PDB file of N, CA and C in Angstrom:
ATOM      1  N   MET A   1     -32.785  26.502  -3.876  1.00  0.00           N
ATOM      2  CA  MET A   1     -31.369  25.469  -4.236  1.00  0.00           C
ATOM      3  C   MET A   1     -30.564  25.397  -2.975  1.00  0.00           C
ATOM      4  N   ARG A   2     -30.327  26.114  -1.967  1.00  0.00           N
ATOM      5  CA  ARG A   2     -29.728  25.891  -1.019  1.00  0.00           C
ATOM      6  C   ARG A   2     -30.209  24.579  -0.428  1.00  0.00           C
ATOM      7  N   VAL A   3     -31.396  24.761   0.143  1.00  0.00           N
ATOM      8  CA  VAL A   3     -32.256  23.619   0.526  1.00  0.00           C
ATOM      9  C   VAL A   3     -31.767  22.321  -0.155  1.00  0.00           C
ATOM     10  N   LEU A   4     -31.951  22.202  -1.391  1.00  0.00           N
ATOM     11  CA  LEU A   4     -31.752  21.025  -2.149  1.00  0.00           C
ATOM     12  C   LEU A   4     -30.324  20.442  -2.379  1.00  0.00           C
ATOM     13  N   LEU A   5     -29.377  21.543  -2.083  1.00  0.00           N
ATOM     14  CA  LEU A   5     -28.057  21.278  -2.024  1.00  0.00           C
ATOM     15  C   LEU A   5     -28.143  20.185  -0.567  1.00  0.00           C
ATOM     16  N   HIS A   6     -28.305  20.898   0.175  1.00  0.00           N
ATOM     17  CA  HIS A   6     -28.153  20.287   2.112  1.00  0.00           C
ATOM     18  C   HIS A   6     -28.517  18.949   1.923  1.00  0.00           C
ATOM     19  N   ALA A   7     -29.761  19.044   1.149  1.00  0.00           N
ATOM     20  CA  ALA A   7     -30.367  17.585   1.209  1.00  0.00           C
ATOM     21  C   ALA A   7     -29.558  16.331   0.486  1.00  0.00           C
ATOM     22  N   LEU A   8     -29.218  17.213  -0.623  1.00  0.00           N
ATOM     23  CA  LEU A   8     -28.077  15.855  -1.461  1.00  0.00           C
ATOM     24  C   LEU A   8     -26.834  15.813  -0.427  1.00  0.00           C
ATOM     25  N   LEU A   9     -26.491  16.478  -0.070  1.00  0.00           N
ATOM     26  CA  LEU A   9     -25.155  16.126   1.318  1.00  0.00           C
ATOM     27  C   LEU A   9     -25.538  15.518   2.105  1.00  0.00           C
ATOM     28  N   LEU A  10     -26.751  15.842   2.606  1.00  0.00           N
ATOM     29  CA  LEU A  10     -26.852  14.692   3.735  1.00  0.00           C
ATOM     30  C   LEU A  10     -27.049  13.322   3.402  1.00  0.00           C
ATOM     31  N   GLY A  11     -27.709  13.180   2.104  1.00  0.00           N
ATOM     32  CA  GLY A  11     -28.272  11.793   1.485  1.00  0.00           C
ATOM     33  C   GLY A  11     -27.180  11.051   1.380  1.00  0.00           C
ATOM     34  N   SER A  12     -26.082  11.915   0.812  1.00  0.00           N
ATOM     35  CA  SER A  12     -24.785  11.219   0.490  1.00  0.00           C
ATOM     36  C   SER A  12     -24.094  10.692   1.845  1.00  0.00           C
ATOM     37  N   LEU A  13     -24.315  11.837   2.763  1.00  0.00           N
ATOM     38  CA  LEU A  13     -23.270  11.224   3.910  1.00  0.00           C
ATOM     39  C   LEU A  13     -24.073  10.171   4.767  1.00  0.00           C
ATOM     40  N   LEU A  14     -25.314  10.204   4.680  1.00  0.00           N
ATOM     41  CA  LEU A  14     -26.051   8.853   5.286  1.00  0.00           C
ATOM     42  C   LEU A  14     -26.085   7.680   4.306  1.00  0.00           C
ATOM     43  N   PHE A  15     -25.989   7.609   3.007  1.00  0.00           N
ATOM     44  CA  PHE A  15     -25.534   6.586   2.351  1.00  0.00           C
ATOM     45  C   PHE A  15     -24.010   6.163   2.605  1.00  0.00           C
ATOM     46  N   LEU A  16     -23.066   6.533   2.652  1.00  0.00           N
ATOM     47  CA  LEU A  16     -21.258   6.410   3.127  1.00  0.00           C
ATOM     48  C   LEU A  16     -21.480   6.001   4.122  1.00  0.00           C
ATOM     49  N   ALA A  17     -22.445   6.286   5.327  1.00  0.00           N
ATOM     50  CA  ALA A  17     -22.337   5.865   6.588  1.00  0.00           C
ATOM     51  C   ALA A  17     -22.710   4.777   6.883  1.00  0.00           C
ATOM     52  N   THR A  18     -23.898   4.058   5.929  1.00  0.00           N
ATOM     53  CA  THR A  18     -24.550   2.964   6.480  1.00  0.00           C
ATOM     54  C   THR A  18     -23.448   1.616   5.385  1.00  0.00           C
ATOM     55  N   ALA A  19     -22.631   2.088   4.924  1.00  0.00           N
ATOM     56  CA  ALA A  19     -21.582   1.198   4.181  1.00  0.00           C
ATOM     57  C   ALA A  19     -20.664   0.932   5.004  1.00  0.00           C
ATOM     58  N   PRO A  20     -20.142  -0.567   5.140  1.00  0.00           N
ATOM     59  CA  PRO A  20     -19.030  -0.844   6.147  1.00  0.00           C
ATOM     60  C   PRO A  20     -17.912  -0.109   5.510  1.00  0.00           C
ATOM     61  N   ALA A  21     -17.186   0.609   6.458  1.00  0.00           N
ATOM     62  CA  ALA A  21     -16.038   1.034   6.573  1.00  0.00           C
ATOM     63  C   ALA A  21     -14.887   0.309   5.590  1.00  0.00           C
ATOM     64  N   GLU A  22     -15.091  -0.969   5.772  1.00  0.00           N
ATOM     65  CA  GLU A  22     -14.179  -2.177   5.320  1.00  0.00           C
ATOM     66  C   GLU A  22     -14.385  -2.195   3.720  1.00  0.00           C
ATOM     67  N   ALA A  23     -15.555  -2.179   3.301  1.00  0.00           N
ATOM     68  CA  ALA A  23     -15.869  -2.394   2.270  1.00  0.00           C
ATOM     69  C   ALA A  23     -15.660  -1.250   1.146  1.00  0.00           C
ATOM     70  N   GLN A  24     -15.173   0.063   1.597  1.00  0.00           N
ATOM     71  CA  GLN A  24     -14.836   0.913   0.554  1.00  0.00           C
ATOM     72  C   GLN A  24     -13.047   0.552   0.314  1.00  0.00           C
ATOM     73  N   PHE A  25     -12.415  -0.056   1.210  1.00  0.00           N
ATOM     74  CA  PHE A  25     -10.734   0.142   0.627  1.00  0.00           C
ATOM     75  C   PHE A  25     -10.686  -1.380   0.223  1.00  0.00           C
ATOM     76  N   VAL A  26     -10.948  -2.184   1.107  1.00  0.00           N
ATOM     77  CA  VAL A  26     -10.547  -3.657   0.595  1.00  0.00           C
ATOM     78  C   VAL A  26     -12.112  -4.630   0.232  1.00  0.00           C
ATOM     79  N   HIS A  27     -11.899  -5.256  -0.922  1.00  0.00           N
ATOM     80  CA  HIS A  27     -13.010  -5.780  -1.220  1.00  0.00           C
ATOM     81  C   HIS A  27     -12.611  -7.151  -1.772  1.00  0.00           C
ATOM     82  N   ARG A  28     -13.626  -8.132  -2.112  1.00  0.00           N
ATOM     83  CA  ARG A  28     -13.403  -9.258  -2.880  1.00  0.00           C
ATOM     84  C   ARG A  28     -13.605  -9.310  -4.297  1.00  0.00           C
ATOM     85  N   ASN A  29     -12.715 -10.210  -4.944  1.00  0.00           N
ATOM     86  CA  ASN A  29     -12.981 -10.326  -6.473  1.00  0.00           C
ATOM     87  C   ASN A  29     -13.994 -11.587  -6.560  1.00  0.00           C
ATOM     88  N   ARG A  30     -14.463 -11.275  -7.552  1.00  0.00           N
ATOM     89  CA  ARG A  30     -14.993 -13.015  -8.481  1.00  0.00           C
ATOM     90  C   ARG A  30     -14.216 -14.419  -8.375  1.00  0.00           C
ATOM     91  N   ASP A  31     -13.146 -13.952  -8.508  1.00  0.00           N
ATOM     92  CA  ASP A  31     -12.235 -15.442  -8.382  1.00  0.00           C
ATOM     93  C   ASP A  31     -11.978 -15.402  -6.659  1.00  0.00           C
ATOM     94  N   GLY A  32     -12.198 -14.664  -6.142  1.00  0.00           N
ATOM     95  CA  GLY A  32     -11.950 -15.167  -4.790  1.00  0.00           C
ATOM     96  C   GLY A  32     -10.552 -14.222  -4.188  1.00  0.00           C
ATOM     97  N   THR A  33      -9.811 -13.902  -5.268  1.00  0.00           N
ATOM     98  CA  THR A  33      -8.804 -13.005  -4.188  1.00  0.00           C
ATOM     99  C   THR A  33      -9.402 -11.403  -3.834  1.00  0.00           C
ATOM    100  N   VAL A  34      -8.592 -11.132  -3.342  1.00  0.00           N
ATOM    101  CA  VAL A  34      -8.845  -9.966  -2.349  1.00  0.00           C
ATOM    102  C   VAL A  34      -7.842  -8.476  -3.197  1.00  0.00           C
ATOM    103  N   SER A  35      -8.878  -7.583  -3.377  1.00  0.00           N
ATOM    104  CA  SER A  35      -8.341  -6.292  -4.155  1.00  0.00           C
ATOM    105  C   SER A  35      -8.089  -5.157  -2.934  1.00  0.00           C
ATOM    106  N   ILE A  36      -7.090  -3.954  -2.715  1.00  0.00           N
ATOM    107  CA  ILE A  36      -6.901  -3.581  -1.620  1.00  0.00           C
ATOM    108  C   ILE A  36      -6.856  -2.030  -2.661  1.00  0.00           C
ATOM    109  N   ASN A  37      -7.492  -1.312  -1.758  1.00  0.00           N
ATOM    110  CA  ASN A  37      -7.584   0.042  -2.610  1.00  0.00           C
ATOM    111  C   ASN A  37      -6.224   0.588  -2.226  1.00  0.00           C
ATOM    112  N   PRO A  38      -5.652   1.116  -3.329  1.00  0.00           N
ATOM    113  CA  PRO A  38      -4.236   1.393  -3.779  1.00  0.00           C
ATOM    114  C   PRO A  38      -4.128   2.705  -2.638  1.00  0.00           C
ATOM    115  N   LEU A  39      -4.979   3.644  -2.405  1.00  0.00           N
ATOM    116  CA  LEU A  39      -4.962   4.439  -1.295  1.00  0.00           C
ATOM    117  C   LEU A  39      -4.121   4.236   0.072  1.00  0.00           C
ATOM    118  N   LEU A  40      -4.387   2.267   0.186  1.00  0.00           N
ATOM    119  CA  LEU A  40      -3.985   2.280   1.465  1.00  0.00           C
ATOM    120  C   LEU A  40      -2.416   1.725   1.188  1.00  0.00           C
ATOM    121  N   CYS A  41      -2.084   1.518   0.368  1.00  0.00           N
ATOM    122  CA  CYS A  41      -0.685   1.007  -0.249  1.00  0.00           C
ATOM    123  C   CYS A  41       0.467   2.076   0.709  1.00  0.00           C
ATOM    124  N   PHE A  42       1.593   1.635   0.762  1.00  0.00           N
ATOM    125  CA  PHE A  42       2.638   2.329   1.347  1.00  0.00           C
ATOM    126  C   PHE A  42       2.934   2.971  -0.101  1.00  0.00           C
ATOM    127  N   ASN A  43       3.323   4.705   0.003  1.00  0.00           N
ATOM    128  CA  ASN A  43       4.031   5.381  -0.550  1.00  0.00           C
ATOM    129  C   ASN A  43       5.916   5.270  -0.750  1.00  0.00           C
ATOM    130  N   ASP A  44       6.416   5.978  -1.593  1.00  0.00           N
ATOM    131  CA  ASP A  44       7.699   5.642  -1.714  1.00  0.00           C
ATOM    132  C   ASP A  44       8.589   6.052  -0.405  1.00  0.00           C
ATOM    133  N   HIS A  45       8.277   7.065   0.107  1.00  0.00           N
ATOM    134  CA  HIS A  45       8.736   7.234   1.353  1.00  0.00           C
ATOM    135  C   HIS A  45       8.593   6.456   2.180  1.00  0.00           C
ATOM    136  N   GLN A  46       7.386   6.223   2.595  1.00  0.00           N
ATOM    137  CA  GLN A  46       6.761   4.921   3.474  1.00  0.00           C
ATOM    138  C   GLN A  46       7.933   3.551   2.893  1.00  0.00           C
ATOM    139  N   VAL A  47       8.125   3.280   1.976  1.00  0.00           N
ATOM    140  CA  VAL A  47       8.716   1.883   1.779  1.00  0.00           C
ATOM    141  C   VAL A  47      10.000   1.574   2.302  1.00  0.00           C
ATOM    142  N   ARG A  48      10.746   3.371   1.832  1.00  0.00           N
ATOM    143  CA  ARG A  48      12.539   3.480   2.577  1.00  0.00           C
ATOM    144  C   ARG A  48      12.448   3.492   3.772  1.00  0.00           C
ATOM    145  N   GLN A  49      11.677   4.343   4.431  1.00  0.00           N
ATOM    146  CA  GLN A  49      11.352   3.829   6.226  1.00  0.00           C
ATOM    147  C   GLN A  49      11.336   2.676   6.734  1.00  0.00           C
ATOM    148  N   ALA A  50      10.074   1.822   6.357  1.00  0.00           N
ATOM    149  CA  ALA A  50       9.994   0.598   6.519  1.00  0.00           C
ATOM    150  C   ALA A  50      11.728  -0.498   6.178  1.00  0.00           C
ATOM    151  N   VAL A  51      12.127  -0.096   5.181  1.00  0.00           N
ATOM    152  CA  VAL A  51      13.298  -1.172   4.245  1.00  0.00           C
ATOM    153  C   VAL A  51      14.634  -0.631   5.624  1.00  0.00           C
ATOM    154  N   ALA A  52      14.739   0.938   6.074  1.00  0.00           N
ATOM    155  CA  ALA A  52      15.479   1.238   6.822  1.00  0.00           C
ATOM    156  C   ALA A  52      15.414   1.028   8.212  1.00  0.00           C
ATOM    157  N   ALA A  53      13.689   0.630   8.507  1.00  0.00           N
ATOM    158  CA  ALA A  53      13.731   0.442  10.026  1.00  0.00           C
ATOM    159  C   ALA A  53      14.394  -1.514  10.081  1.00  0.00           C
ATOM    160  N   GLN A  54      14.816  -2.170   9.225  1.00  0.00           N
ATOM    161  CA  GLN A  54      14.956  -3.385   9.227  1.00  0.00           C
ATOM    162  C   GLN A  54      16.355  -3.688   9.123  1.00  0.00           C
ATOM    163  N   GLY A  55      17.150  -2.159   9.074  1.00  0.00           N
ATOM    164  CA  GLY A  55      18.725  -2.094   9.264  1.00  0.00           C
ATOM    165  C   GLY A  55      19.453  -1.675   7.592  1.00  0.00           C
ATOM    166  N   PHE A  56      18.710  -1.441   6.797  1.00  0.00           N
ATOM    167  CA  PHE A  56      19.434  -1.504   5.568  1.00  0.00           C
ATOM    168  C   PHE A  56      19.474   0.050   5.235  1.00  0.00           C
ATOM    169  N   THR A  57      20.573   0.260   4.374  1.00  0.00           N
ATOM    170  CA  THR A  57      20.937   1.616   3.987  1.00  0.00           C
ATOM    171  C   THR A  57      21.195   1.613   2.467  1.00  0.00           C
ATOM    172  N   ASN A  58      21.528   2.592   1.859  1.00  0.00           N
ATOM    173  CA  ASN A  58      21.520   2.765   0.527  1.00  0.00           C
ATOM    174  C   ASN A  58      20.593   2.208  -0.494  1.00  0.00           C
ATOM    175  N   ILE A  59      19.461   2.853  -0.101  1.00  0.00           N
ATOM    176  CA  ILE A  59      17.793   2.169  -0.709  1.00  0.00           C
ATOM    177  C   ILE A  59      17.908   2.723  -2.028  1.00  0.00           C
ATOM    178  N   TYR A  60      17.475   1.835  -2.892  1.00  0.00           N
ATOM    179  CA  TYR A  60      17.046   2.217  -4.222  1.00  0.00           C
ATOM    180  C   TYR A  60      15.637   1.632  -4.822  1.00  0.00           C
ATOM    181  N   LEU A  61      14.803   2.432  -4.918  1.00  0.00           N
ATOM    182  CA  LEU A  61      13.381   1.916  -5.515  1.00  0.00           C
ATOM    183  C   LEU A  61      13.339   1.523  -6.913  1.00  0.00           C
ATOM    184  N   ASN A  62      13.055   1.007  -7.364  1.00  0.00           N
ATOM    185  CA  ASN A  62      12.762   0.216  -8.516  1.00  0.00           C
ATOM    186  C   ASN A  62      11.129   0.350  -8.727  1.00  0.00           C
ATOM    187  N   ALA A  63      10.332   0.250  -9.783  1.00  0.00           N
ATOM    188  CA  ALA A  63       9.192   0.719 -10.315  1.00  0.00           C
ATOM    189  C   ALA A  63       8.356  -0.600  -9.643  1.00  0.00           C
ATOM    190  N   ALA A  64       6.977  -0.201  -9.215  1.00  0.00           N
ATOM    191  CA  ALA A  64       6.016  -1.226  -8.367  1.00  0.00           C
ATOM    192  C   ALA A  64       5.033  -1.539  -9.365  1.00  0.00           C
ATOM    193  N   ILE A  65       5.490  -3.204  -9.261  1.00  0.00           N
ATOM    194  CA  ILE A  65       4.516  -3.957 -10.267  1.00  0.00           C
ATOM    195  C   ILE A  65       3.410  -4.999  -9.675  1.00  0.00           C
ATOM    196  N   GLU A  66       2.308  -4.089  -9.628  1.00  0.00           N
ATOM    197  CA  GLU A  66       0.847  -4.381  -9.005  1.00  0.00           C
ATOM    198  C   GLU A  66       1.435  -4.204  -7.168  1.00  0.00           C
ATOM    199  N   SER A  67       1.279  -4.923  -6.487  1.00  0.00           N
ATOM    200  CA  SER A  67       1.353  -4.560  -5.015  1.00  0.00           C
ATOM    201  C   SER A  67       2.940  -4.866  -4.597  1.00  0.00           C
ATOM    202  N   HIS A  68       3.921  -5.418  -5.552  1.00  0.00           N
ATOM    203  CA  HIS A  68       4.968  -5.626  -5.072  1.00  0.00           C
ATOM    204  C   HIS A  68       6.430  -4.102  -5.672  1.00  0.00           C
ATOM    205  N   GLN A  69       6.978  -3.953  -4.856  1.00  0.00           N
ATOM    206  CA  GLN A  69       7.771  -2.845  -5.136  1.00  0.00           C
ATOM    207  C   GLN A  69       9.157  -4.084  -4.728  1.00  0.00           C
ATOM    208  N   GLN A  70      10.340  -3.662  -5.985  1.00  0.00           N
ATOM    209  CA  GLN A  70      11.520  -4.023  -5.826  1.00  0.00           C
ATOM    210  C   GLN A  70      12.768  -3.287  -5.539  1.00  0.00           C
ATOM    211  N   VAL A  71      13.219  -3.343  -4.418  1.00  0.00           N
ATOM    212  CA  VAL A  71      14.205  -2.736  -3.526  1.00  0.00           C
ATOM    213  C   VAL A  71      15.834  -2.708  -3.816  1.00  0.00           C
ATOM    214  N   LYS A  72      16.535  -2.188  -4.084  1.00  0.00           N
ATOM    215  CA  LYS A  72      17.861  -2.596  -3.802  1.00  0.00           C
ATOM    216  C   LYS A  72      18.740  -1.784  -2.211  1.00  0.00           C
ATOM    217  N   ALA A  73      19.472  -2.662  -1.803  1.00  0.00           N
ATOM    218  CA  ALA A  73      19.846  -2.117  -0.562  1.00  0.00           C
ATOM    219  C   ALA A  73      20.517  -2.954  -0.026  1.00  0.00           C
ATOM    220  N   SER A  74      21.880  -2.211   1.014  1.00  0.00           N
ATOM    221  CA  SER A  74      22.752  -2.505   1.783  1.00  0.00           C
ATOM    222  C   SER A  74      22.784  -2.812   3.181  1.00  0.00           C
ATOM    223  N   ARG A  75      23.118  -4.234   3.504  1.00  0.00           N
ATOM    224  CA  ARG A  75      23.326  -4.045   5.160  1.00  0.00           C
ATOM    225  C   ARG A  75      24.133  -4.880   5.079  1.00  0.00           C
ATOM    226  N   ASN A  76      25.280  -4.573   6.353  1.00  0.00           N
ATOM    227  CA  ASN A  76      26.526  -5.432   6.792  1.00  0.00           C
ATOM    228  C   ASN A  76      27.329  -5.389   5.423  1.00  0.00           C
ATOM    229  N   GLY A  77      27.402  -4.518   4.589  1.00  0.00           N
ATOM    230  CA  GLY A  77      28.645  -4.390   3.566  1.00  0.00           C
ATOM    231  C   GLY A  77      28.142  -5.075   2.320  1.00  0.00           C
ATOM    232  N   ARG A  78      27.020  -5.762   2.334  1.00  0.00           N
ATOM    233  CA  ARG A  78      26.533  -6.741   1.420  1.00  0.00           C
ATOM    234  C   ARG A  78      24.878  -6.067   0.384  1.00  0.00           C
ATOM    235  N   THR A  79      24.672  -6.689  -0.569  1.00  0.00           N
ATOM    236  CA  THR A  79      23.565  -5.842  -1.319  1.00  0.00           C
ATOM    237  C   THR A  79      22.646  -7.052  -1.469  1.00  0.00           C
ATOM    238  N   TYR A  80      21.429  -6.120  -1.407  1.00  0.00           N
ATOM    239  CA  TYR A  80      20.113  -7.519  -1.373  1.00  0.00           C
ATOM    240  C   TYR A  80      19.318  -6.790  -2.467  1.00  0.00           C
ATOM    241  N   ARG A  81      18.452  -7.759  -3.055  1.00  0.00           N
ATOM    242  CA  ARG A  81      17.342  -7.365  -3.514  1.00  0.00           C
ATOM    243  C   ARG A  81      16.326  -7.892  -2.603  1.00  0.00           C
ATOM    244  N   ILE A  82      15.281  -6.722  -2.361  1.00  0.00           N
ATOM    245  CA  ILE A  82      13.924  -6.857  -1.274  1.00  0.00           C
ATOM    246  C   ILE A  82      12.768  -6.846  -2.211  1.00  0.00           C
ATOM    247  N   ASP A  83      12.002  -7.559  -1.879  1.00  0.00           N
ATOM    248  CA  ASP A  83      10.639  -7.914  -2.816  1.00  0.00           C
ATOM    249  C   ASP A  83       9.708  -7.275  -1.338  1.00  0.00           C
ATOM    250  N   PHE A  84       9.285  -5.816  -2.000  1.00  0.00           N
ATOM    251  CA  PHE A  84       8.054  -5.584  -0.471  1.00  0.00           C
ATOM    252  C   PHE A  84       7.021  -5.039  -1.372  1.00  0.00           C
ATOM    253  N   ASP A  85       6.088  -5.992  -0.242  1.00  0.00           N
ATOM    254  CA  ASP A  85       4.739  -5.729  -0.513  1.00  0.00           C
ATOM    255  C   ASP A  85       4.004  -4.662  -0.065  1.00  0.00           C
ATOM    256  N   ILE A  86       3.998  -3.278  -0.938  1.00  0.00           N
ATOM    257  CA  ILE A  86       3.437  -2.101  -0.383  1.00  0.00           C
ATOM    258  C   ILE A  86       2.190  -1.899   0.227  1.00  0.00           C
ATOM    259  N   CYS A  87       1.257  -3.054  -0.518  1.00  0.00           N
ATOM    260  CA  CYS A  87      -0.408  -2.812   0.160  1.00  0.00           C
ATOM    261  C   CYS A  87      -0.214  -3.403   1.558  1.00  0.00           C
ATOM    262  N   ARG A  88       0.532  -4.994   1.860  1.00  0.00           N
ATOM    263  CA  ARG A  88       0.527  -5.262   3.495  1.00  0.00           C
ATOM    264  C   ARG A  88       1.800  -4.515   4.239  1.00  0.00           C
ATOM    265  N   GLY A  89       2.594  -3.786   3.341  1.00  0.00           N
ATOM    266  CA  GLY A  89       3.924  -3.437   4.145  1.00  0.00           C
ATOM    267  C   GLY A  89       5.016  -4.136   5.264  1.00  0.00           C
ATOM    268  N   TRP A  90       5.265  -5.145   4.237  1.00  0.00           N
ATOM    269  CA  TRP A  90       6.234  -5.953   4.777  1.00  0.00           C
ATOM    270  C   TRP A  90       6.940  -6.833   3.599  1.00  0.00           C
ATOM    271  N   ILE A  91       8.196  -7.060   4.235  1.00  0.00           N
ATOM    272  CA  ILE A  91       9.158  -7.634   3.207  1.00  0.00           C
ATOM    273  C   ILE A  91       8.674  -9.168   2.899  1.00  0.00           C
ATOM    274  N   VAL A  92       8.588  -9.505   1.782  1.00  0.00           N
ATOM    275  CA  VAL A  92       8.519 -10.647   1.297  1.00  0.00           C
ATOM    276  C   VAL A  92       9.291 -11.290   1.208  1.00  0.00           C
ATOM    277  N   SER A  93      10.527 -11.362   0.389  1.00  0.00           N
ATOM    278  CA  SER A  93      11.693 -12.043   0.427  1.00  0.00           C
ATOM    279  C   SER A  93      12.745 -10.952   0.165  1.00  0.00           C
ATOM    280  N   ILE A  94      14.038 -11.724   0.578  1.00  0.00           N
ATOM    281  CA  ILE A  94      15.412 -10.747   0.825  1.00  0.00           C
ATOM    282  C   ILE A  94      16.322 -11.701   0.434  1.00  0.00           C
ATOM    283  N   THR A  95      17.136 -11.398  -1.522  1.00  0.00           N
ATOM    284  CA  THR A  95      17.861 -12.464  -1.905  1.00  0.00           C
ATOM    285  C   THR A  95      19.303 -11.428  -2.299  1.00  0.00           C
ATOM    286  N   PRO A  96      20.052 -12.218  -1.839  1.00  0.00           N
ATOM    287  CA  PRO A  96      21.616 -11.367  -1.872  1.00  0.00           C
ATOM    288  C   PRO A  96      21.772 -11.308  -3.574  1.00  0.00           C
ATOM    289  N   LEU A  97      22.743 -10.230  -3.319  1.00  0.00           N
ATOM    290  CA  LEU A  97      23.029 -10.280  -5.115  1.00  0.00           C
ATOM    291  C   LEU A  97      24.603 -10.234  -5.087  1.00  0.00           C
ATOM    292  N   ARG A  98      25.561  -9.610  -4.088  1.00  0.00           N
ATOM    293  CA  ARG A  98      26.771  -9.984  -4.305  1.00  0.00           C
ATOM    294  C   ARG A  98      27.394 -10.886  -2.810  1.00  0.00           C
TER     295      ARG A  98
END
């Protein structure tokens, strides 16, 4: 039994080692678009840190829609709506609210 367990473990490790690392996290769909494994996307804390690093304060997060997180934040006395791409880790657009 123990030998069989070791053989299964070794076989699964060899299988994973032969697959390209990129293929496990990023793959191309049939329609040509690229999907990213959600494990690679930013969590709420990382989004707050990235937005704060751009000089924003009073950061409020809305629910993420697919790979985009809507953020409301302030900078220099103005309030902005920020569209943040959580899987690529960058700000897509900044729109002043007031």
